Amino acid sequence: MLRALELATYAIKGCRPNPAVGAVIVKDGVAAGEGYTQEPGKEHAEIVALKNAGEKAKDAELYVTLEPCSHYGRTPPCADAIIKAGIKKVYYGYLDPNPDVSGKGIEKLKAAGIEVERENLDGLIDNFYESYHWFVKNRTPFITLKIAQTMDGFIANSDRTSLKITGEESQTELHRLRSFCDAVVVGGGTFRTDNPQLTVRNVNGANPEKIIFSRDNFSGGTFEENWNSMLADCAKKGMHHILVEAGTTLAKKLFEMENAFQQFLLWTSPLRIGKGLPWNVASNGWQKNFTLRKTYMQGKDFCEEYSFRHTENF
């Protein structure tokens, strides 16, 4: 399933607005075929994997990150093709929130005598499809804001020069997160100072689109108007998940807005620098608008994951 999830990340750039899906067919413990979702109107991940497997698909197992579709859209139902190929067991990662599909693909497979089991990699696949679920319900991208700070609350040196804050484990996790996203947004100041690559390097996966959010890219308007304009443009492109790697100015502005993002990741390293640029100059008391979902360690870094209260139970 982990390989299927990796394949799904490669689908993100081309399959939107459809969900990115990866599939692997295993026969006698050996991968016999694999695939990921193609551009809209073309083959879904399961079909690509079945074609690659050919006759080996009979009595094989299918690992697929999202429930196979059971309805006619731009393409025929994947569930029908799975049944016809003679797959004996299907492991799926996430139940499709699309009302045209949700639960119906599973029901069709079971009715055909195929064993079905969920495998979500300890919540990793839930994380991957949270943005798709949000997009289906709200028709706008799911926004994750990520900030890395020192133990004493700084995200850069006083002269705005970049500062390596978190350890290797957190860097790897950041690259994994980027691979899950359609685009990464940074502010104009961060881009001019750091010129970040914003690519996926420490894990396998596709690079997200880079978006520079700067006054230079808009003709007037308030910060909020420009932000909403950017999100509307991303929604038109079918983008499900946007990661914001914010500097001081962008973080401050986003915390001043209402409903600017849905998820907040705050990573704190043991590093202390005494003085520097803080990220929360005007956002004291921000916790009242958020629910702490979980805390965990990434190497020596302490990580907090928050959701904006209006995001819960969407």
Protein backbone atom coordinates (compact mmCIF):
# COMPACT_ATOMS: atom_id res chain seq x y z
CA MET A 1 0.00 0.00 0.00
CA LEU A 2 2.90 2.33 0.66
CA ARG A 3 3.98 1.88 -2.96
CA ALA A 4 0.42 2.62 -4.09
CA LEU A 5 0.45 5.83 -2.07
CA GLU A 6 3.77 6.83 -3.61
CA LEU A 7 2.28 6.27 -7.07
CA ALA A 8 -0.72 8.41 -6.12
CA THR A 9 1.54 11.40 -5.52
CA TYR A 10 2.71 11.22 -9.14
CA ALA A 11 -0.91 11.52 -10.29
CA ILE A 12 -1.52 14.85 -8.55
CA LYS A 13 -0.17 17.12 -11.26
CA GLY A 14 -2.16 15.58 -14.11
CA CYS A 15 -5.40 14.11 -12.74
CA ARG A 16 -7.08 17.15 -11.17
CA PRO A 17 -9.87 17.80 -10.40
CA ASN A 18 -10.11 14.01 -9.95
CA PRO A 19 -8.57 12.41 -6.87
CA ALA A 20 -5.04 11.12 -7.15
CA VAL A 21 -5.02 7.34 -6.81
CA GLY A 22 -2.29 4.71 -6.90
CA ALA A 23 -2.77 0.97 -7.40
CA VAL A 24 -0.56 -2.10 -7.17
CA ILE A 25 -1.49 -5.69 -8.12
CA VAL A 26 0.34 -8.40 -6.20
CA LYS A 27 0.47 -12.07 -7.28
CA ASP A 28 2.19 -14.65 -5.09
CA GLY A 29 3.92 -11.91 -3.12
CA VAL A 30 5.33 -10.19 -6.20
CA ALA A 31 4.12 -6.95 -7.81
CA ALA A 32 2.51 -7.86 -11.13
CA GLY A 33 1.26 -4.47 -12.24
CA GLU A 34 0.91 -0.92 -10.99
CA GLY A 35 -0.50 2.42 -12.08
CA TYR A 36 -1.83 5.81 -11.10
CA THR A 37 -4.70 8.02 -12.24
CA GLN A 38 -4.25 9.58 -15.66
CA GLU A 39 -5.63 12.92 -16.84
CA PRO A 40 -9.43 13.41 -16.73
CA GLY A 41 -11.24 11.19 -19.22
CA LYS A 42 -8.41 8.67 -19.35
CA GLU A 43 -7.67 5.55 -17.32
CA HIS A 44 -7.93 5.35 -13.56
CA ALA A 45 -5.17 3.80 -11.48
CA GLU A 46 -6.84 0.39 -11.21
CA ILE A 47 -7.24 0.09 -14.98
CA VAL A 48 -3.62 0.99 -15.64
CA ALA A 49 -2.49 -1.59 -13.08
CA LEU A 50 -4.80 -4.29 -14.52
CA LYS A 51 -3.50 -3.69 -18.03
CA ASN A 52 0.08 -3.90 -16.81
CA ALA A 53 -0.65 -7.13 -14.95
CA GLY A 54 -2.52 -8.79 -17.80
CA GLU A 55 -3.41 -12.43 -17.07
CA LYS A 56 -1.49 -12.28 -13.79
CA ALA A 57 -4.36 -10.27 -12.33
CA LYS A 58 -6.48 -13.43 -11.96
CA ASP A 59 -6.54 -14.56 -8.31
CA ALA A 60 -4.21 -11.69 -7.39
CA GLU A 61 -4.59 -9.00 -4.74
CA LEU A 62 -5.15 -5.33 -5.51
CA TYR A 63 -3.88 -2.52 -3.29
CA VAL A 64 -5.54 0.78 -4.13
CA THR A 65 -5.41 4.03 -2.16
CA LEU A 66 -9.05 5.04 -2.77
CA GLU A 67 -12.26 3.01 -3.02
CA PRO A 68 -12.73 1.86 -6.65
CA CYS A 69 -15.46 3.75 -8.47
CA SER A 70 -18.73 1.97 -9.28
CA HIS A 71 -20.46 4.43 -11.59
CA TYR A 72 -20.16 5.64 -15.17
CA GLY A 73 -18.49 9.02 -15.41
CA ARG A 74 -15.99 9.91 -18.08
CA THR A 75 -14.80 6.31 -17.82
CA PRO A 76 -16.52 2.98 -17.02
CA PRO A 77 -16.61 1.70 -13.41
CA CYS A 78 -13.30 0.40 -12.10
CA ALA A 79 -15.15 -2.07 -9.85
CA ASP A 80 -16.52 -3.85 -12.95
CA ALA A 81 -13.03 -4.18 -14.43
CA ILE A 82 -11.66 -5.55 -11.15
CA ILE A 83 -14.40 -8.18 -11.02
CA LYS A 84 -13.90 -9.14 -14.67
CA ALA A 85 -10.13 -9.51 -14.17
CA GLY A 86 -10.64 -12.09 -11.42
CA ILE A 87 -8.99 -10.20 -8.56
CA LYS A 88 -9.55 -12.23 -5.37
CA LYS A 89 -8.96 -9.55 -2.72
CA VAL A 90 -8.93 -5.75 -2.64
CA TYR A 91 -7.18 -3.63 -0.04
CA TYR A 92 -8.34 -0.02 -0.17
CA GLY A 93 -7.04 2.98 1.75
CA TYR A 94 -9.90 5.50 1.92
CA LEU A 95 -13.66 5.47 1.38
CA ASP A 96 -14.50 7.87 -1.46
CA PRO A 97 -16.49 10.88 -0.09
CA ASN A 98 -18.02 11.47 -3.52
CA PRO A 99 -21.73 10.58 -3.04
CA ASP A 100 -21.76 8.91 -6.48
CA VAL A 101 -19.20 6.40 -5.19
CA SER A 102 -19.09 6.33 -1.41
CA GLY A 103 -19.47 2.73 -0.24
CA LYS A 104 -20.99 1.58 -3.51
CA GLY A 105 -17.72 0.38 -4.99
CA ILE A 106 -17.04 -1.73 -1.90
CA GLU A 107 -20.57 -3.16 -2.00
CA LYS A 108 -20.23 -4.13 -5.67
CA LEU A 109 -16.92 -5.92 -5.07
CA LYS A 110 -18.27 -7.82 -2.07
CA ALA A 111 -21.41 -8.79 -3.97
CA ALA A 112 -19.16 -10.37 -6.61
CA GLY A 113 -17.45 -12.49 -3.94
CA ILE A 114 -14.27 -10.42 -3.69
CA GLU A 115 -12.80 -10.05 -0.22
CA VAL A 116 -12.35 -6.39 0.73
CA GLU A 117 -10.24 -4.95 3.54
CA ARG A 118 -9.21 -1.43 4.51
CA GLU A 119 -5.54 -0.60 5.04
CA ASN A 120 -4.72 3.05 5.74
CA LEU A 121 -1.08 2.89 6.87
CA ASP A 122 -1.71 4.14 10.41
CA GLY A 123 -3.57 7.20 9.18
CA LEU A 124 -1.13 8.21 6.45
CA ILE A 125 -3.72 7.68 3.73
CA ASP A 126 -6.32 9.53 5.81
CA ASN A 127 -3.94 12.50 5.80
CA PHE A 128 -3.44 12.21 2.06
CA TYR A 129 -7.17 12.28 1.27
CA GLU A 130 -8.27 14.82 3.88
CA SER A 131 -7.81 17.55 1.29
CA TYR A 132 -9.83 15.66 -1.34
CA HIS A 133 -12.63 15.17 1.20
CA TRP A 134 -12.59 18.92 1.92
CA PHE A 135 -12.57 19.78 -1.79
CA VAL A 136 -15.56 17.51 -2.50
CA LYS A 137 -17.57 19.15 0.29
CA ASN A 138 -16.47 22.78 -0.21
CA ARG A 139 -15.14 23.11 -3.79
CA THR A 140 -12.10 25.01 -2.57
CA PRO A 141 -8.56 23.85 -1.73
CA PHE A 142 -7.63 22.58 1.71
CA ILE A 143 -4.92 24.86 3.12
CA THR A 144 -2.14 23.67 5.42
CA LEU A 145 0.00 26.36 7.06
CA LYS A 146 3.36 25.12 8.28
CA ILE A 147 5.76 27.05 10.51
CA ALA A 148 9.07 25.91 11.99
CA GLN A 149 10.32 27.86 15.01
CA THR A 150 13.20 27.82 17.45
CA MET A 151 12.58 26.96 21.09
CA ASP A 152 12.43 30.70 21.82
CA GLY A 153 9.89 31.39 19.08
CA PHE A 154 11.89 32.66 16.10
CA ILE A 155 11.68 31.58 12.45
CA ALA A 156 14.62 33.57 11.04
CA ASN A 157 17.56 35.68 12.07
CA SER A 158 17.00 39.35 12.91
CA ASP A 159 18.42 40.41 9.53
CA ARG A 160 15.89 38.08 7.83
CA THR A 161 18.57 35.72 6.63
CA SER A 162 17.49 32.09 6.54
CA LEU A 163 18.10 29.82 9.48
CA LYS A 164 18.18 26.02 9.54
CA ILE A 165 15.81 25.27 12.40
CA THR A 166 14.55 21.70 12.28
CA GLY A 167 16.44 18.42 12.00
CA GLU A 168 16.70 15.87 9.22
CA GLU A 169 13.60 13.94 10.32
CA SER A 170 11.45 17.06 10.03
CA GLN A 171 12.99 17.92 6.68
CA THR A 172 12.05 14.48 5.39
CA GLU A 173 8.51 14.91 6.70
CA LEU A 174 8.28 18.31 5.01
CA HIS A 175 9.26 16.80 1.68
CA ARG A 176 6.66 14.04 2.14
CA LEU A 177 4.06 16.72 2.84
CA ARG A 178 5.07 18.61 -0.29
CA SER A 179 4.59 15.43 -2.32
CA PHE A 180 0.99 15.28 -1.04
CA CYS A 181 0.22 18.83 -2.24
CA ASP A 182 -0.75 20.43 -5.52
CA ALA A 183 1.14 23.63 -4.75
CA VAL A 184 3.40 25.28 -2.19
CA VAL A 185 2.95 28.97 -1.40
CA VAL A 186 5.61 31.29 -0.01
CA GLY A 187 5.55 35.04 0.49
CA GLY A 188 7.47 37.43 -1.71
CA GLY A 189 9.89 38.31 1.10
CA THR A 190 10.75 34.68 1.76
CA PHE A 191 11.23 34.05 -1.94
CA ARG A 192 13.55 37.04 -2.40
CA THR A 193 15.58 36.27 0.73
CA ASP A 194 15.82 32.47 0.59
CA ASN A 195 14.95 31.58 -3.02
CA PRO A 196 13.69 28.19 -1.75
CA GLN A 197 13.50 25.22 -4.13
CA LEU A 198 10.19 23.97 -2.66
CA THR A 199 10.78 20.59 -4.30
CA VAL A 200 10.48 16.99 -3.12
CA ARG A 201 13.93 15.62 -2.40
CA ASN A 202 14.14 13.35 0.64
CA VAL A 203 11.30 11.04 -0.42
CA ASN A 204 9.92 9.74 -3.69
CA GLY A 205 7.15 11.89 -5.10
CA ALA A 206 6.25 14.60 -7.58
CA ASN A 207 7.14 18.26 -7.11
CA PRO A 208 4.26 20.63 -6.32
CA GLU A 209 3.65 23.84 -8.23
CA LYS A 210 5.45 26.85 -6.74
CA ILE A 211 3.32 29.94 -6.01
CA ILE A 212 4.88 33.23 -4.93
CA PHE A 213 2.29 35.29 -3.06
CA SER A 214 3.49 38.86 -3.48
CA ARG A 215 1.93 42.30 -3.96
CA ASP A 216 3.78 42.42 -7.26
CA ASN A 217 1.51 39.66 -8.59
CA PHE A 218 -1.74 41.52 -7.97
CA SER A 219 -3.17 44.79 -9.27
CA GLY A 220 -4.34 46.44 -6.07
CA GLY A 221 -6.84 45.01 -3.61
CA THR A 222 -6.48 44.06 0.04
CA PHE A 223 -4.46 41.13 1.28
CA GLU A 224 -7.66 39.16 1.90
CA GLU A 225 -9.04 39.90 -1.56
CA ASN A 226 -5.78 38.82 -3.17
CA TRP A 227 -5.58 35.69 -1.06
CA ASN A 228 -9.12 34.67 -1.95
CA SER A 229 -8.42 35.42 -5.60
CA MET A 230 -5.42 33.10 -5.54
CA LEU A 231 -7.50 30.34 -3.91
CA ALA A 232 -10.28 30.77 -6.47
CA ASP A 233 -7.74 30.38 -9.27
CA CYS A 234 -6.35 27.23 -7.64
CA ALA A 235 -9.87 25.84 -7.26
CA LYS A 236 -10.54 26.41 -10.98
CA LYS A 237 -7.44 24.34 -11.69
CA GLY A 238 -8.90 21.59 -9.51
CA MET A 239 -6.22 21.83 -6.83
CA HIS A 240 -7.16 19.97 -3.65
CA HIS A 241 -4.32 20.74 -1.24
CA ILE A 242 -2.08 23.79 -0.87
CA LEU A 243 0.82 23.99 1.55
CA VAL A 244 1.84 27.41 2.84
CA GLU A 245 5.41 27.69 4.12
CA ALA A 246 5.03 31.09 5.71
CA GLY A 247 7.53 33.70 6.76
CA THR A 248 6.84 36.39 9.36
CA THR A 249 4.73 38.72 7.19
CA LEU A 250 2.60 36.05 5.52
CA ALA A 251 2.01 34.21 8.80
CA LYS A 252 0.91 37.42 10.53
CA LYS A 253 -1.53 38.29 7.74
CA LEU A 254 -3.05 34.81 7.61
CA PHE A 255 -3.64 34.70 11.36
CA GLU A 256 -5.41 38.07 11.11
CA MET A 257 -7.83 36.67 8.52
CA GLU A 258 -10.92 34.58 9.27
CA ASN A 259 -10.85 31.03 7.90
CA ALA A 260 -7.64 31.58 5.93
CA PHE A 261 -6.49 27.97 6.38
CA GLN A 262 -7.75 24.65 7.71
CA GLN A 263 -4.69 23.00 9.22
CA PHE A 264 -1.74 24.43 11.13
CA LEU A 265 1.53 22.57 11.70
CA LEU A 266 3.88 24.10 14.26
CA TRP A 267 7.30 22.45 14.50
CA THR A 268 9.57 23.52 17.36
CA SER A 269 13.24 22.63 17.48
CA PRO A 270 15.48 22.63 20.57
CA LEU A 271 17.56 25.42 19.00
CA ARG A 272 17.71 28.77 20.83
CA ILE A 273 19.09 31.92 19.14
CA GLY A 274 18.24 34.64 21.68
CA LYS A 275 16.85 37.11 19.17
CA GLY A 276 15.38 36.96 15.70
CA LEU A 277 12.14 37.29 13.77
CA PRO A 278 9.08 35.82 15.55
CA TRP A 279 6.19 34.44 13.53
CA ASN A 280 3.33 35.41 15.86
CA VAL A 281 3.85 39.12 16.44
CA ALA A 282 0.13 39.95 16.24
CA SER A 283 -1.40 36.56 16.91
CA ASN A 284 -1.35 36.12 20.67
CA GLY A 285 -4.22 33.93 21.74
CA TRP A 286 -4.50 32.27 18.35
CA GLN A 287 -5.04 28.86 20.03
CA LYS A 288 -8.65 29.77 20.91
CA ASN A 289 -9.63 29.29 17.26
CA PHE A 290 -7.93 25.91 16.92
CA THR A 291 -8.20 22.35 18.14
CA LEU A 292 -4.98 20.50 18.92
CA ARG A 293 -5.30 17.21 17.05
CA LYS A 294 -2.04 15.58 18.02
CA THR A 295 1.54 16.07 19.15
CA TYR A 296 4.54 13.96 18.23
CA MET A 297 8.32 14.00 17.99
CA GLN A 298 10.28 14.09 14.74
CA GLY A 299 13.81 13.42 15.87
CA LYS A 300 14.49 16.18 18.41
CA ASP A 301 11.72 18.45 17.09
CA PHE A 302 8.38 18.77 18.89
CA CYS A 303 5.47 18.87 16.44
CA GLU A 304 1.93 20.11 16.99
CA GLU A 305 -0.93 19.61 14.54
CA TYR A 306 -3.95 21.90 14.84
CA SER A 307 -7.19 22.17 12.90
CA PHE A 308 -9.22 25.33 12.59
CA ARG A 309 -12.45 24.80 14.53
CA HIS A 310 -14.77 25.32 11.55
CA THR A 311 -12.87 22.56 9.71
CA GLU A 312 -13.88 19.80 12.12
CA ASN A 313 -16.47 17.28 11.03
CA PHE A 314 -16.72 18.74 7.54
